[in-house]
Amino acid sequence: MADVFISHANEDADVAKDICAALEASGVTCWIAPRDIVAGADYRSEILRGVAESAALLLLYSPAASRSEHVAREVSLADEGNKPIFPLRIDSHELDGPLRYVLQ
């Protein structure tokens, strides 16, 4: 089981990798796509497994994340699973859209 599932938009992948590396260097285990997707497995099933098997979700919030249906689904899955959700704003963009609804 990972400590955190890192939810991020594809456009923020470089920032997500840097945050993942910093967390793992300090002893926090992370699940992050595409690194932790099992080769040949169904991507959606792997995301479901990753969220379910993580203790919490770290949301990297940005304009791209606010537009991403995939990020909204990941956050909803974590919410449904009663996982702690930790939003981390990676720019000055205000929280809006479906993510605002789930995180309020």
Protein backbone atom coordinates (compact mmCIF):
# COMPACT_ATOMS: atom_id res chain seq x y z
CA MET A 1 0.00 0.00 0.00
CA ALA A 2 1.27 3.45 -0.91
CA ASP A 3 1.03 6.38 1.47
CA VAL A 4 -0.32 8.70 -1.25
CA PHE A 5 -1.82 8.48 -4.71
CA ILE A 6 -0.65 11.55 -6.65
CA SER A 7 -3.48 12.87 -8.82
CA HIS A 8 -2.36 15.27 -11.53
CA ALA A 9 -3.17 16.42 -15.04
CA ASN A 10 -0.92 15.23 -17.86
CA GLU A 11 0.19 18.82 -18.41
CA ASP A 12 1.59 18.87 -14.85
CA ALA A 13 3.50 15.59 -15.15
CA ASP A 14 6.94 17.16 -14.67
CA VAL A 15 5.86 18.92 -11.47
CA ALA A 16 4.19 15.70 -10.28
CA LYS A 17 7.39 13.71 -10.84
CA ASP A 18 9.41 16.29 -8.88
CA ILE A 19 6.95 16.25 -5.97
CA CYS A 20 6.87 12.45 -6.02
CA ALA A 21 10.68 12.30 -5.89
CA ALA A 22 10.80 14.76 -2.98
CA LEU A 23 8.16 12.84 -1.03
CA GLU A 24 9.84 9.50 -1.64
CA ALA A 25 13.22 10.94 -0.63
CA SER A 26 11.63 11.78 2.73
CA GLY A 27 10.15 8.29 3.17
CA VAL A 28 6.61 8.81 1.85
CA THR A 29 5.63 6.06 -0.58
CA CYS A 30 3.79 7.26 -3.69
CA TRP A 31 1.62 5.80 -6.41
CA ILE A 32 1.82 7.85 -9.61
CA ALA A 33 0.77 7.23 -13.19
CA PRO A 34 2.17 6.23 -15.55
CA ARG A 35 5.11 4.91 -13.49
CA ASP A 36 3.01 2.52 -11.40
CA ILE A 37 0.75 1.24 -14.18
CA VAL A 38 1.49 -2.45 -14.68
CA ALA A 39 2.65 -3.07 -18.26
CA GLY A 40 -0.16 -4.42 -20.41
CA ALA A 41 -2.83 -3.78 -17.78
CA ASP A 42 -5.99 -1.76 -18.36
CA TYR A 43 -5.14 1.86 -17.46
CA ARG A 44 -8.52 2.54 -15.81
CA SER A 45 -8.34 -0.62 -13.70
CA GLU A 46 -4.87 0.33 -12.57
CA ILE A 47 -6.05 3.79 -11.51
CA LEU A 48 -8.89 2.19 -9.54
CA ARG A 49 -6.40 -0.14 -7.86
CA GLY A 50 -3.95 2.68 -7.18
CA VAL A 51 -6.55 4.84 -5.43
CA ALA A 52 -7.97 1.88 -3.50
CA GLU A 53 -4.55 0.74 -2.31
CA SER A 54 -3.31 4.18 -1.24
CA ALA A 55 -3.89 5.63 2.21
CA ALA A 56 -4.56 9.16 0.89
CA LEU A 57 -4.76 11.22 -2.29
CA LEU A 58 -2.54 14.21 -3.04
CA LEU A 59 -4.24 16.44 -5.61
CA LEU A 60 -1.90 18.67 -7.57
CA TYR A 61 -4.31 21.46 -8.34
CA SER A 62 -3.82 23.63 -11.45
CA PRO A 63 -5.92 24.98 -14.33
CA ALA A 64 -5.22 21.75 -16.22
CA ALA A 65 -6.33 19.65 -13.24
CA SER A 66 -9.54 21.67 -12.94
CA ARG A 67 -10.37 20.77 -16.57
CA SER A 68 -9.39 17.10 -16.32
CA GLU A 69 -12.21 14.56 -16.14
CA HIS A 70 -9.65 11.95 -15.04
CA VAL A 71 -8.48 14.03 -12.09
CA ALA A 72 -12.11 14.67 -11.07
CA ARG A 73 -12.79 10.91 -11.18
CA GLU A 74 -9.70 10.12 -9.10
CA VAL A 75 -10.71 12.67 -6.47
CA SER A 76 -14.27 11.31 -6.45
CA LEU A 77 -12.96 7.75 -6.00
CA ALA A 78 -10.86 8.86 -3.05
CA ASP A 79 -13.82 10.71 -1.56
CA GLU A 80 -16.09 7.68 -1.97
CA GLY A 81 -13.42 5.52 -0.32
CA ASN A 82 -13.20 7.95 2.64
CA LYS A 83 -9.54 8.64 1.84
CA PRO A 84 -8.00 11.87 3.08
CA ILE A 85 -7.58 14.28 0.16
CA PHE A 86 -4.76 16.80 0.33
CA PRO A 87 -5.04 19.54 -2.32
CA LEU A 88 -1.76 21.19 -3.23
CA ARG A 89 -2.17 24.28 -5.39
CA ILE A 90 0.78 24.39 -7.80
CA ASP A 91 -0.10 27.85 -9.14
CA SER A 92 -2.38 30.73 -8.16
CA HIS A 93 -5.46 29.36 -9.95
CA GLU A 94 -8.56 29.45 -7.73
CA LEU A 95 -10.41 26.23 -7.02
CA ASP A 96 -13.39 25.81 -9.38
CA GLY A 97 -15.44 23.30 -11.32
CA PRO A 98 -16.21 19.74 -10.18
CA LEU A 99 -13.16 19.65 -7.90
CA ARG A 100 -14.48 22.57 -5.88
CA TYR A 101 -17.69 20.62 -5.28
CA VAL A 102 -15.87 17.55 -3.95
CA LEU A 103 -13.33 19.45 -1.88
CA GLN A 104 -15.71 21.88 -0.17
